[in-house]
Amino acid sequence: MSQTTSKTMPKTILSAENITAGYVPDLNILSECGIELKQGELIGIIGPNGAGKSTLLKVIFRLLAIREGNIQFAEKDIAKLETHTLVSLGIAYIPQIENVFPNLSVEDNLKMGAYLDSGLVKPQMKKVFELFPKLIELRQTRASQLSGGEAQMVAIGRALMMNPKIILLDEPSAGLSPANQKIAFDSIKEVVASGVSAIMVEQNARTCLEICDRVYVLENGRNAFTDTGENLANNPKVIELYLGSLGATDSKD
C-alpha cells in the first residue's frame, strides 16, 4: 500500500497552452507556445530578442489578441476577456516602460493602482508600505525624482493595490544599474514571499535563473527549454546557446 504525504502539490493558477499570436496578419510571433504558473511560484521567461517573451505576457493580459490556443486562470477561460476584467479577477501587469506617473507622488501613484475599487486604497496601501518600508519616507516624493530601483518598487506597489493573485512583469531590470537591479529583484522576491505568484520576462538571464523557481526559454516564438533555474543554469546547451549572450547586459540608470 502506498503512503500518502502530508504535503500537497501547489495548484496551477494560470496556464497558457498552444498560444499562437502576432501583431500583423499572417505573421505569427508566437507559435504553439505555452506556460504554466503554480500558486506561490516565481516563473521566469528568457530568450533572444524577438523570441516572443513580452508578446506572451501581452497575450495573457489581453493587450494582444490570441489567434489560437487557450488561457486558463483559476480554472476559468480568460482568453477572450477584457483587460479590466482580468484586473478585477486578480491579474496585474507591469510594463517595461512608462510604469509610473512621473508627475504624481509615490502615494498618488499607489492610489491610482486601485482605480477599480477605491475601497482597497487604505488596506492595500498599508500592505504595500509593510512590504516596502522605503516607500513610507518617499510617499510625498514625485516619481520623477526616484531612482530606477525606487520607481520599480512603486510600479510593483501600484500593481499590488488591487490585491492581485498574480503579477506579470515585463523586463523589470531593463535600463537599471546593477545596484537598482538588485532592488528590483529583491522587491519581486518579497512580493512572491508574501503569497503573490509572478511571471517575469527578464533580460538578465543569469539572475533570472538564480531567483526563479522555474524558467521557460523561448526561441522563435516556441518553447525551447523548460526546467528549474538551477538545472537550466547547468545545461550545456542553454549555456552555449543563451547564457553567453544573455547572461550579461549593458545597464544604466
Protein backbone atom coordinates (compact mmCIF):
# COMPACT_ATOMS: atom_id res chain seq x y z
CA MET A 1 0.00 0.00 0.00
CA SER A 2 1.36 3.42 -0.93
CA GLN A 3 1.74 6.00 1.79
CA THR A 4 0.16 9.42 1.43
CA THR A 5 2.18 12.51 2.17
CA SER A 6 1.02 15.48 4.19
CA LYS A 7 2.38 17.83 1.57
CA THR A 8 0.05 18.79 -1.25
CA MET A 9 1.25 19.88 -4.67
CA PRO A 10 0.68 23.59 -5.42
CA LYS A 11 -2.34 24.21 -7.63
CA THR A 12 -1.92 25.55 -11.13
CA ILE A 13 -3.23 29.12 -11.02
CA LEU A 14 -2.60 30.07 -14.66
CA SER A 15 -1.89 28.10 -17.80
CA ALA A 16 -1.48 29.18 -21.40
CA GLU A 17 -1.42 26.38 -23.98
CA ASN A 18 -0.62 26.27 -27.69
CA ILE A 19 -0.60 30.07 -27.95
CA THR A 20 -0.34 31.48 -31.46
CA ALA A 21 -0.39 35.26 -31.86
CA GLY A 22 1.16 38.16 -33.75
CA TYR A 23 0.91 41.87 -34.42
CA VAL A 24 0.21 41.83 -38.16
CA PRO A 25 -1.90 39.45 -40.28
CA ASP A 26 -0.28 36.20 -41.44
CA LEU A 27 2.84 36.73 -39.31
CA ASN A 28 2.98 34.87 -36.01
CA ILE A 29 5.37 35.93 -33.25
CA LEU A 30 4.21 33.07 -31.01
CA SER A 31 3.58 29.58 -32.37
CA GLU A 32 2.14 26.88 -30.12
CA CYS A 33 3.81 28.47 -27.11
CA GLY A 34 2.80 27.69 -23.54
CA ILE A 35 3.46 28.36 -19.87
CA GLU A 36 2.15 27.11 -16.52
CA LEU A 37 2.23 29.00 -13.22
CA LYS A 38 1.54 27.33 -9.90
CA GLN A 39 0.43 29.01 -6.68
CA GLY A 40 3.37 30.70 -4.94
CA GLU A 41 5.79 30.36 -7.85
CA LEU A 42 8.08 32.88 -9.50
CA ILE A 43 8.40 31.87 -13.14
CA GLY A 44 10.99 33.37 -15.49
CA ILE A 45 10.91 33.75 -19.28
CA ILE A 46 14.19 34.30 -21.12
CA GLY A 47 15.36 34.07 -24.71
CA PRO A 48 16.91 36.07 -27.56
CA ASN A 49 15.47 39.39 -28.76
CA GLY A 50 12.38 38.76 -30.84
CA ALA A 51 11.69 35.38 -29.25
CA GLY A 52 8.20 36.45 -28.18
CA LYS A 53 8.77 36.84 -24.44
CA SER A 54 6.97 40.16 -23.92
CA THR A 55 4.40 39.18 -26.55
CA LEU A 56 3.37 36.21 -24.41
CA LEU A 57 2.66 38.49 -21.43
CA LYS A 58 0.66 40.85 -23.63
CA VAL A 59 -1.45 37.96 -24.91
CA ILE A 60 -2.15 36.76 -21.37
CA PHE A 61 -3.17 40.30 -20.32
CA ARG A 62 -5.26 40.82 -23.47
CA LEU A 63 -3.11 43.63 -24.82
CA LEU A 64 -2.78 41.47 -27.92
CA ALA A 65 -5.46 39.15 -29.27
CA ILE A 66 -4.89 35.43 -29.26
CA ARG A 67 -5.18 33.63 -32.61
CA GLU A 68 -5.09 30.05 -31.39
CA GLY A 69 -4.74 28.31 -28.04
CA ASN A 70 -6.34 28.74 -24.65
CA ILE A 71 -5.61 30.53 -21.38
CA GLN A 72 -6.97 29.42 -18.01
CA PHE A 73 -6.81 31.43 -14.79
CA ALA A 74 -8.13 29.88 -11.58
CA GLU A 75 -9.87 27.25 -13.75
CA LYS A 76 -11.64 29.95 -15.77
CA ASP A 77 -11.24 30.54 -19.51
CA ILE A 78 -9.89 34.09 -19.84
CA ALA A 79 -8.61 34.16 -23.42
CA LYS A 80 -11.35 36.49 -24.64
CA LEU A 81 -11.94 38.62 -21.53
CA GLU A 82 -11.22 42.35 -21.46
CA THR A 83 -8.14 43.66 -19.65
CA HIS A 84 -10.11 45.49 -16.94
CA THR A 85 -11.95 42.25 -16.20
CA LEU A 86 -8.63 40.44 -15.78
CA VAL A 87 -7.54 43.10 -13.29
CA SER A 88 -10.72 42.62 -11.28
CA LEU A 89 -10.15 38.84 -11.29
CA GLY A 90 -6.68 39.26 -9.80
CA ILE A 91 -4.15 39.66 -12.63
CA ALA A 92 -1.75 42.62 -12.60
CA TYR A 93 0.67 43.68 -15.34
CA ILE A 94 3.75 45.89 -15.04
CA PRO A 95 5.07 47.12 -18.41
CA GLN A 96 8.75 47.63 -19.10
CA ILE A 97 8.43 51.38 -19.70
CA GLU A 98 6.09 54.15 -18.52
CA ASN A 99 5.13 52.10 -15.47
CA VAL A 100 4.83 55.09 -13.09
CA PHE A 101 3.21 58.52 -13.38
CA PRO A 102 6.29 60.81 -13.15
CA ASN A 103 4.41 63.95 -12.09
CA LEU A 104 2.50 62.24 -9.28
CA SER A 105 3.77 61.50 -5.79
CA VAL A 106 4.53 57.96 -4.68
CA GLU A 107 1.32 57.94 -2.64
CA ASP A 108 -0.81 59.15 -5.56
CA ASN A 109 0.81 56.57 -7.84
CA LEU A 110 -0.24 53.88 -5.41
CA LYS A 111 -3.80 55.24 -5.19
CA MET A 112 -4.07 55.06 -8.99
CA GLY A 113 -3.49 51.32 -8.72
CA ALA A 114 -6.85 50.85 -7.01
CA TYR A 115 -8.84 52.76 -9.64
CA LEU A 116 -11.35 49.91 -9.98
CA ASP A 117 -12.10 49.72 -6.26
CA SER A 118 -11.43 52.75 -4.05
CA GLY A 119 -12.28 50.67 -1.00
CA LEU A 120 -8.97 48.86 -1.41
CA VAL A 121 -6.84 52.01 -1.12
CA LYS A 122 -6.32 52.08 2.65
CA PRO A 123 -5.87 48.35 3.36
CA GLN A 124 -3.70 47.71 0.32
CA MET A 125 -1.55 50.80 0.83
CA LYS A 126 -0.88 49.58 4.37
CA LYS A 127 0.24 46.22 2.94
CA VAL A 128 2.45 47.91 0.35
CA PHE A 129 4.14 50.06 2.99
CA GLU A 130 4.67 46.99 5.17
CA LEU A 131 6.23 45.20 2.22
CA PHE A 132 8.30 48.19 1.09
CA PRO A 133 9.03 50.43 4.13
CA LYS A 134 11.28 52.59 1.94
CA LEU A 135 8.16 53.97 0.25
CA ILE A 136 6.86 55.41 3.52
CA GLU A 137 9.59 58.05 3.61
CA LEU A 138 9.15 58.65 -0.12
CA ARG A 139 5.34 58.85 -0.11
CA GLN A 140 5.22 62.60 -0.94
CA THR A 141 8.13 62.44 -3.42
CA ARG A 142 7.40 62.83 -7.12
CA ALA A 143 8.04 59.64 -9.06
CA SER A 144 10.27 61.60 -11.45
CA GLN A 145 12.71 62.17 -8.58
CA LEU A 146 13.10 58.49 -7.69
CA SER A 147 16.00 56.23 -8.59
CA GLY A 148 15.31 53.46 -11.07
CA GLY A 149 15.06 50.88 -8.31
CA GLU A 150 12.71 53.04 -6.26
CA ALA A 151 10.50 53.68 -9.29
CA GLN A 152 10.29 49.95 -9.98
CA MET A 153 9.30 49.45 -6.33
CA VAL A 154 6.47 51.97 -6.84
CA ALA A 155 5.35 50.21 -10.03
CA ILE A 156 5.20 46.88 -8.19
CA GLY A 157 3.44 48.51 -5.24
CA ARG A 158 0.84 50.06 -7.51
CA ALA A 159 0.19 46.66 -9.10
CA LEU A 160 -0.44 45.27 -5.62
CA MET A 161 -3.13 47.84 -4.87
CA MET A 162 -5.86 45.68 -6.44
CA ASN A 163 -4.77 42.73 -4.26
CA PRO A 164 -3.80 40.55 -7.25
CA LYS A 165 -3.25 36.81 -7.23
CA ILE A 166 -0.56 37.02 -9.93
CA ILE A 167 1.70 39.71 -11.36
CA LEU A 168 3.11 39.78 -14.89
CA LEU A 169 6.43 41.68 -15.04
CA ASP A 170 7.95 42.73 -18.35
CA GLU A 171 11.74 43.12 -18.01
CA PRO A 172 11.79 44.77 -14.56
CA SER A 173 15.57 45.28 -14.62
CA ALA A 174 15.73 46.94 -18.05
CA GLY A 175 17.85 50.10 -18.02
CA LEU A 176 18.74 49.83 -14.34
CA SER A 177 22.19 49.99 -12.78
CA PRO A 178 23.38 46.79 -11.04
CA ALA A 179 22.52 48.30 -7.64
CA ASN A 180 18.99 49.18 -8.74
CA GLN A 181 18.56 45.83 -10.44
CA LYS A 182 19.16 44.25 -7.05
CA ILE A 183 16.50 46.50 -5.51
CA ALA A 184 14.03 45.47 -8.22
CA PHE A 185 14.74 41.75 -7.89
CA ASP A 186 14.63 41.90 -4.08
CA SER A 187 11.24 43.64 -4.35
CA ILE A 188 9.91 40.89 -6.61
CA LYS A 189 11.11 38.19 -4.23
CA GLU A 190 9.39 39.98 -1.34
CA VAL A 191 6.12 40.07 -3.28
CA VAL A 192 6.26 36.35 -4.08
CA ALA A 193 7.15 35.55 -0.46
CA SER A 194 4.00 37.45 0.56
CA GLY A 195 1.87 34.98 -1.40
CA VAL A 196 1.53 36.54 -4.86
CA SER A 197 2.56 34.36 -7.82
CA ALA A 198 4.55 36.00 -10.62
CA ILE A 199 5.70 35.58 -14.20
CA MET A 200 8.75 37.64 -15.12
CA VAL A 201 10.18 38.29 -18.57
CA GLU A 202 13.81 39.17 -17.97
CA GLN A 203 16.86 40.20 -20.00
CA ASN A 204 19.28 39.36 -17.18
CA ALA A 205 19.23 35.62 -17.78
CA ARG A 206 21.71 34.61 -15.11
CA THR A 207 19.88 36.38 -12.30
CA CYS A 208 16.57 35.09 -13.63
CA LEU A 209 17.86 31.53 -13.40
CA GLU A 210 19.12 32.19 -9.88
CA ILE A 211 15.92 33.58 -8.36
CA CYS A 212 13.11 31.85 -10.27
CA ASP A 213 11.53 28.55 -9.31
CA ARG A 214 11.23 27.54 -12.95
CA VAL A 215 12.27 29.17 -16.21
CA TYR A 216 10.99 28.96 -19.78
CA VAL A 217 13.43 29.62 -22.63
CA LEU A 218 11.71 30.84 -25.79
CA GLU A 219 13.16 30.81 -29.28
CA ASN A 220 11.33 31.93 -32.41
CA GLY A 221 8.06 32.04 -30.51
CA ARG A 222 8.27 28.48 -29.24
CA ASN A 223 9.28 26.74 -26.03
CA ALA A 224 12.92 25.69 -26.42
CA PHE A 225 13.68 24.62 -22.82
CA THR A 226 11.72 24.42 -19.57
CA ASP A 227 13.19 23.45 -16.21
CA THR A 228 14.21 24.74 -12.82
CA GLY A 229 16.56 27.71 -12.90
CA GLU A 230 19.31 25.63 -11.34
CA ASN A 231 19.04 22.85 -13.93
CA LEU A 232 18.96 25.28 -16.85
CA ALA A 233 21.97 27.17 -15.49
CA ASN A 234 23.90 23.88 -15.66
CA ASN A 235 22.51 22.73 -19.00
CA PRO A 236 25.39 22.76 -21.55
CA LYS A 237 23.06 23.61 -24.45
CA VAL A 238 21.49 26.53 -22.59
CA ILE A 239 24.93 27.78 -21.55
CA GLU A 240 26.24 27.56 -25.11
CA LEU A 241 23.22 28.96 -26.90
CA TYR A 242 21.87 31.55 -24.47
CA LEU A 243 23.92 32.43 -21.42
CA GLY A 244 26.88 33.71 -23.41
CA SER A 245 24.80 36.50 -24.92
CA LEU A 246 22.02 36.75 -22.33
CA GLY A 247 23.98 36.46 -19.14
CA ALA A 248 25.43 39.97 -19.16
CA THR A 249 23.57 43.10 -20.20
CA ASP A 250 24.51 46.72 -20.55
CA SER A 251 22.68 48.71 -17.88
CA LYS A 252 22.19 52.30 -16.98
CA ASP A 253 20.02 54.20 -14.58
